[in-house]
Amino acid sequence: MDPVRIAVVGAGVVGLSTAVCISKLVPGGSIAVVSDKFSPDTTSDVAAGMLIPHVYPDTPIPQQKQWFRETFDHLFAIANSAEAEDAGVHLVSGWQIFRSVPTEEVPFWADVVLGFRKMTEAELKKFPQHVFGHAFTTLKCESPTYLPWLEKRSVEMTPCCFLYLSNSHGKGYRF
């Protein structure tokens, strides 16, 4: 039987993460990552890499929580590994502040992140325009480091090539 050949469209965090996941699920297959831009020129290279979910109204909350927990656990394992620095994945603590009290004071993901709590009055005084907030520790991916790390992992795990889509500059294939 011929090996399975798979194309992944996009070379940002989602595309390269998909390539790595597929390479684990389909050993012996070959993957082509197709994109008009690769790191350092993707949207992911400049996007904030803070892991904080948003609510998608058409997706059940239990499903969203499962996805978030799986992502958090995956990145947490990287952050606690010897590869953390090379991958650019680390823990970060901070606040999420609001100008009005949110409908749900405790979000669905509160028990997934580390040390989730409501901010104290003393903490909120530092932000006079805000009336409510959370403090917690989550994960951050430094995209300019994380993307090349993902690309390297996808190549190490399975035959993988990276194809530039043609554009007015005549870019070709990247292997």
C-alpha atoms as a PDB file:
ATOM      1  CA  MET A   1       0.000   0.000   0.000  1.00  0.00           C
ATOM      2  CA  ASP A   2       1.242   3.482  -0.848  1.00  0.00           C
ATOM      3  CA  PRO A   3       2.017   5.756   2.095  1.00  0.00           C
ATOM      4  CA  VAL A   4      -0.669   8.226   3.066  1.00  0.00           C
ATOM      5  CA  ARG A   5       0.002  11.709   1.709  1.00  0.00           C
ATOM      6  CA  ILE A   6      -1.538  14.640   3.558  1.00  0.00           C
ATOM      7  CA  ALA A   7      -1.616  18.369   2.819  1.00  0.00           C
ATOM      8  CA  VAL A   8      -1.953  20.885   5.642  1.00  0.00           C
ATOM      9  CA  VAL A   9      -2.903  24.402   4.588  1.00  0.00           C
ATOM     10  CA  GLY A  10      -1.273  27.144   6.642  1.00  0.00           C
ATOM     11  CA  ALA A  11       2.065  27.487   8.398  1.00  0.00           C
ATOM     12  CA  GLY A  12       0.991  29.385  11.516  1.00  0.00           C
ATOM     13  CA  VAL A  13       0.488  27.845  14.941  1.00  0.00           C
ATOM     14  CA  VAL A  14      -2.647  25.946  13.883  1.00  0.00           C
ATOM     15  CA  GLY A  15      -1.182  24.614  10.636  1.00  0.00           C
ATOM     16  CA  LEU A  16       2.135  23.480  12.099  1.00  0.00           C
ATOM     17  CA  SER A  17       0.463  22.046  15.214  1.00  0.00           C
ATOM     18  CA  THR A  18      -1.865  20.108  12.924  1.00  0.00           C
ATOM     19  CA  ALA A  19       1.119  18.764  10.968  1.00  0.00           C
ATOM     20  CA  VAL A  20       2.784  17.577  14.191  1.00  0.00           C
ATOM     21  CA  CYS A  21      -0.440  15.935  15.436  1.00  0.00           C
ATOM     22  CA  ILE A  22      -1.046  14.204  12.112  1.00  0.00           C
ATOM     23  CA  SER A  23       2.536  12.925  12.039  1.00  0.00           C
ATOM     24  CA  LYS A  24       1.874  11.239  15.412  1.00  0.00           C
ATOM     25  CA  LEU A  25      -1.462   9.772  14.275  1.00  0.00           C
ATOM     26  CA  VAL A  26      -0.332   8.617  10.819  1.00  0.00           C
ATOM     27  CA  PRO A  27       3.159   7.167  11.177  1.00  0.00           C
ATOM     28  CA  GLY A  28       4.777   6.488   7.835  1.00  0.00           C
ATOM     29  CA  GLY A  29       2.679   9.093   6.064  1.00  0.00           C
ATOM     30  CA  SER A  30       4.064  12.150   4.336  1.00  0.00           C
ATOM     31  CA  ILE A  31       2.882  15.683   5.010  1.00  0.00           C
ATOM     32  CA  ALA A  32       3.081  18.784   2.863  1.00  0.00           C
ATOM     33  CA  VAL A  33       2.524  22.101   4.638  1.00  0.00           C
ATOM     34  CA  VAL A  34       1.240  24.544   2.030  1.00  0.00           C
ATOM     35  CA  SER A  35       1.198  28.268   2.710  1.00  0.00           C
ATOM     36  CA  ASP A  36       1.799  31.644   1.146  1.00  0.00           C
ATOM     37  CA  LYS A  37       3.851  32.644   4.228  1.00  0.00           C
ATOM     38  CA  PHE A  38       6.149  30.868   6.652  1.00  0.00           C
ATOM     39  CA  SER A  39       7.804  32.053   9.845  1.00  0.00           C
ATOM     40  CA  PRO A  40       8.777  34.842  10.417  1.00  0.00           C
ATOM     41  CA  ASP A  41       6.094  36.223   8.081  1.00  0.00           C
ATOM     42  CA  THR A  42       2.889  34.602   9.409  1.00  0.00           C
ATOM     43  CA  THR A  43       0.138  36.224  11.445  1.00  0.00           C
ATOM     44  CA  SER A  44       1.085  33.827  14.257  1.00  0.00           C
ATOM     45  CA  ASP A  45       4.559  35.396  14.410  1.00  0.00           C
ATOM     46  CA  VAL A  46       3.084  38.642  15.729  1.00  0.00           C
ATOM     47  CA  ALA A  47      -0.004  37.368  17.539  1.00  0.00           C
ATOM     48  CA  ALA A  48      -0.113  37.269  21.312  1.00  0.00           C
ATOM     49  CA  GLY A  49       0.540  33.740  22.458  1.00  0.00           C
ATOM     50  CA  MET A  50      -1.340  33.858  25.767  1.00  0.00           C
ATOM     51  CA  LEU A  51      -3.482  30.794  26.381  1.00  0.00           C
ATOM     52  CA  ILE A  52      -6.863  32.221  27.430  1.00  0.00           C
ATOM     53  CA  PRO A  53      -9.980  30.814  25.756  1.00  0.00           C
ATOM     54  CA  HIS A  54     -12.927  32.731  24.424  1.00  0.00           C
ATOM     55  CA  VAL A  55     -16.511  31.504  24.434  1.00  0.00           C
ATOM     56  CA  TYR A  56     -17.895  30.344  21.089  1.00  0.00           C
ATOM     57  CA  PRO A  57     -21.697  30.477  21.353  1.00  0.00           C
ATOM     58  CA  ASP A  58     -22.351  27.639  18.889  1.00  0.00           C
ATOM     59  CA  THR A  59     -20.023  25.182  20.638  1.00  0.00           C
ATOM     60  CA  PRO A  60     -21.081  23.512  23.902  1.00  0.00           C
ATOM     61  CA  ILE A  61     -19.084  24.711  26.910  1.00  0.00           C
ATOM     62  CA  PRO A  62     -18.055  21.141  27.916  1.00  0.00           C
ATOM     63  CA  GLN A  63     -16.483  20.710  24.457  1.00  0.00           C
ATOM     64  CA  GLN A  64     -14.686  24.057  24.715  1.00  0.00           C
ATOM     65  CA  LYS A  65     -13.419  23.148  28.184  1.00  0.00           C
ATOM     66  CA  GLN A  66     -12.133  19.791  26.933  1.00  0.00           C
ATOM     67  CA  TRP A  67     -10.248  21.468  24.068  1.00  0.00           C
ATOM     68  CA  PHE A  68      -8.795  24.058  26.436  1.00  0.00           C
ATOM     69  CA  ARG A  69      -7.754  21.436  28.989  1.00  0.00           C
ATOM     70  CA  GLU A  70      -6.073  19.319  26.301  1.00  0.00           C
ATOM     71  CA  THR A  71      -4.227  22.361  24.933  1.00  0.00           C
ATOM     72  CA  PHE A  72      -3.221  23.527  28.409  1.00  0.00           C
ATOM     73  CA  ASP A  73      -1.968  20.057  29.375  1.00  0.00           C
ATOM     74  CA  HIS A  74      -0.010  19.730  26.117  1.00  0.00           C
ATOM     75  CA  LEU A  75       1.674  23.129  26.472  1.00  0.00           C
ATOM     76  CA  PHE A  76       2.211  22.625  30.222  1.00  0.00           C
ATOM     77  CA  ALA A  77       4.135  19.429  29.434  1.00  0.00           C
ATOM     78  CA  ILE A  78       6.321  21.366  26.985  1.00  0.00           C
ATOM     79  CA  ALA A  79       6.854  24.171  29.522  1.00  0.00           C
ATOM     80  CA  ASN A  80       8.056  21.588  32.055  1.00  0.00           C
ATOM     81  CA  SER A  81      10.312  19.751  29.619  1.00  0.00           C
ATOM     82  CA  ALA A  82      13.953  20.209  28.637  1.00  0.00           C
ATOM     83  CA  GLU A  83      12.643  21.686  25.360  1.00  0.00           C
ATOM     84  CA  ALA A  84      10.785  24.590  27.002  1.00  0.00           C
ATOM     85  CA  GLU A  85      13.387  27.215  26.134  1.00  0.00           C
ATOM     86  CA  ASP A  86      13.839  25.973  22.552  1.00  0.00           C
ATOM     87  CA  ALA A  87      10.061  25.854  22.117  1.00  0.00           C
ATOM     88  CA  GLY A  88       9.473  29.270  23.671  1.00  0.00           C
ATOM     89  CA  VAL A  89       6.712  27.942  25.938  1.00  0.00           C
ATOM     90  CA  HIS A  90       6.546  29.104  29.550  1.00  0.00           C
ATOM     91  CA  LEU A  91       4.224  29.895  32.435  1.00  0.00           C
ATOM     92  CA  VAL A  92       3.075  33.462  32.907  1.00  0.00           C
ATOM     93  CA  SER A  93       1.034  34.989  35.700  1.00  0.00           C
ATOM     94  CA  GLY A  94      -1.144  38.029  35.382  1.00  0.00           C
ATOM     95  CA  TRP A  95      -4.521  39.667  35.652  1.00  0.00           C
ATOM     96  CA  GLN A  96      -7.539  39.884  33.427  1.00  0.00           C
ATOM     97  CA  ILE A  97      -9.370  43.108  34.291  1.00  0.00           C
ATOM     98  CA  PHE A  98     -12.856  44.365  33.425  1.00  0.00           C
ATOM     99  CA  ARG A  99     -14.539  47.767  33.375  1.00  0.00           C
ATOM    100  CA  SER A 100     -17.811  46.093  34.412  1.00  0.00           C
ATOM    101  CA  VAL A 101     -18.520  42.838  36.205  1.00  0.00           C
ATOM    102  CA  PRO A 102     -18.782  40.052  33.598  1.00  0.00           C
ATOM    103  CA  THR A 103     -21.936  37.941  33.349  1.00  0.00           C
ATOM    104  CA  GLU A 104     -19.960  34.925  34.518  1.00  0.00           C
ATOM    105  CA  GLU A 105     -17.585  35.964  37.274  1.00  0.00           C
ATOM    106  CA  VAL A 106     -15.915  32.551  37.223  1.00  0.00           C
ATOM    107  CA  PRO A 107     -15.220  31.462  33.627  1.00  0.00           C
ATOM    108  CA  PHE A 108     -15.540  27.854  32.484  1.00  0.00           C
ATOM    109  CA  TRP A 109     -11.752  27.500  32.306  1.00  0.00           C
ATOM    110  CA  ALA A 110     -11.037  28.676  35.889  1.00  0.00           C
ATOM    111  CA  ASP A 111     -10.181  25.177  37.144  1.00  0.00           C
ATOM    112  CA  VAL A 112      -7.830  24.486  34.219  1.00  0.00           C
ATOM    113  CA  VAL A 113      -5.345  27.351  34.686  1.00  0.00           C
ATOM    114  CA  LEU A 114      -3.185  27.537  37.786  1.00  0.00           C
ATOM    115  CA  GLY A 115      -4.102  29.538  40.890  1.00  0.00           C
ATOM    116  CA  PHE A 116      -7.285  31.140  39.521  1.00  0.00           C
ATOM    117  CA  ARG A 117      -8.869  33.649  41.907  1.00  0.00           C
ATOM    118  CA  LYS A 118     -10.783  36.913  41.911  1.00  0.00           C
ATOM    119  CA  MET A 119      -8.586  39.963  42.338  1.00  0.00           C
ATOM    120  CA  THR A 120      -8.590  41.648  45.734  1.00  0.00           C
ATOM    121  CA  GLU A 121      -9.831  45.192  46.289  1.00  0.00           C
ATOM    122  CA  ALA A 122      -6.236  46.274  46.894  1.00  0.00           C
ATOM    123  CA  GLU A 123      -5.172  44.850  43.530  1.00  0.00           C
ATOM    124  CA  LEU A 124      -8.106  46.461  41.732  1.00  0.00           C
ATOM    125  CA  LYS A 125      -7.163  49.872  43.164  1.00  0.00           C
ATOM    126  CA  LYS A 126      -4.117  49.771  40.867  1.00  0.00           C
ATOM    127  CA  PHE A 127      -6.554  49.917  37.941  1.00  0.00           C
ATOM    128  CA  PRO A 128      -8.991  52.737  38.783  1.00  0.00           C
ATOM    129  CA  GLN A 129     -10.966  52.379  35.546  1.00  0.00           C
ATOM    130  CA  HIS A 130     -11.753  48.721  36.311  1.00  0.00           C
ATOM    131  CA  VAL A 131     -14.158  47.151  38.805  1.00  0.00           C
ATOM    132  CA  PHE A 132     -13.486  43.421  38.523  1.00  0.00           C
ATOM    133  CA  GLY A 133     -10.682  41.054  37.670  1.00  0.00           C
ATOM    134  CA  HIS A 134      -9.129  37.609  37.854  1.00  0.00           C
ATOM    135  CA  ALA A 135      -5.589  36.591  38.733  1.00  0.00           C
ATOM    136  CA  PHE A 136      -4.179  33.334  37.382  1.00  0.00           C
ATOM    137  CA  THR A 137      -1.223  31.594  35.781  1.00  0.00           C
ATOM    138  CA  THR A 138      -1.465  30.309  32.240  1.00  0.00           C
ATOM    139  CA  LEU A 139       0.923  29.523  29.404  1.00  0.00           C
ATOM    140  CA  LYS A 140       2.520  31.679  26.791  1.00  0.00           C
ATOM    141  CA  CYS A 141       4.036  30.657  23.481  1.00  0.00           C
ATOM    142  CA  GLU A 142       6.642  33.008  22.075  1.00  0.00           C
ATOM    143  CA  SER A 143       5.572  32.544  18.461  1.00  0.00           C
ATOM    144  CA  PRO A 144       8.858  33.560  16.787  1.00  0.00           C
ATOM    145  CA  THR A 145      10.469  30.698  18.770  1.00  0.00           C
ATOM    146  CA  TYR A 146       7.529  28.278  18.855  1.00  0.00           C
ATOM    147  CA  LEU A 147       6.861  28.207  15.093  1.00  0.00           C
ATOM    148  CA  PRO A 148      10.390  27.132  14.059  1.00  0.00           C
ATOM    149  CA  TRP A 149      10.314  24.566  16.884  1.00  0.00           C
ATOM    150  CA  LEU A 150       7.044  23.133  15.547  1.00  0.00           C
ATOM    151  CA  GLU A 151       8.433  23.113  12.020  1.00  0.00           C
ATOM    152  CA  LYS A 152      11.523  21.222  13.183  1.00  0.00           C
ATOM    153  CA  ARG A 153       9.388  18.702  15.105  1.00  0.00           C
ATOM    154  CA  SER A 154       7.174  18.018  12.115  1.00  0.00           C
ATOM    155  CA  VAL A 155      10.231  17.284   9.938  1.00  0.00           C
ATOM    156  CA  GLU A 156      11.801  15.046  12.598  1.00  0.00           C
ATOM    157  CA  MET A 157       8.626  12.978  13.016  1.00  0.00           C
ATOM    158  CA  THR A 158       7.692  12.216   9.401  1.00  0.00           C
ATOM    159  CA  PRO A 159       8.704  13.024   5.838  1.00  0.00           C
ATOM    160  CA  CYS A 160       7.500  16.600   5.554  1.00  0.00           C
ATOM    161  CA  CYS A 161       7.936  19.331   2.994  1.00  0.00           C
ATOM    162  CA  PHE A 162       6.961  22.978   3.086  1.00  0.00           C
ATOM    163  CA  LEU A 163       5.465  24.422  -0.084  1.00  0.00           C
ATOM    164  CA  TYR A 164       5.129  28.117  -0.779  1.00  0.00           C
ATOM    165  CA  LEU A 165       2.061  29.039  -2.767  1.00  0.00           C
ATOM    166  CA  SER A 166       3.008  30.919  -5.904  1.00  0.00           C
ATOM    167  CA  ASN A 167       2.754  34.656  -5.690  1.00  0.00           C
ATOM    168  CA  SER A 168       3.760  37.667  -7.723  1.00  0.00           C
ATOM    169  CA  HIS A 169       7.331  37.320  -6.461  1.00  0.00           C
ATOM    170  CA  GLY A 170       7.653  33.838  -7.982  1.00  0.00           C
ATOM    171  CA  LYS A 171       8.524  32.055  -4.741  1.00  0.00           C
ATOM    172  CA  GLY A 172       8.956  28.354  -5.252  1.00  0.00           C
ATOM    173  CA  TYR A 173       9.154  25.270  -3.079  1.00  0.00           C
ATOM    174  CA  ARG A 174      10.857  25.119   0.278  1.00  0.00           C
ATOM    175  CA  PHE A 175      12.115  21.715   1.408  1.00  0.00           C
END
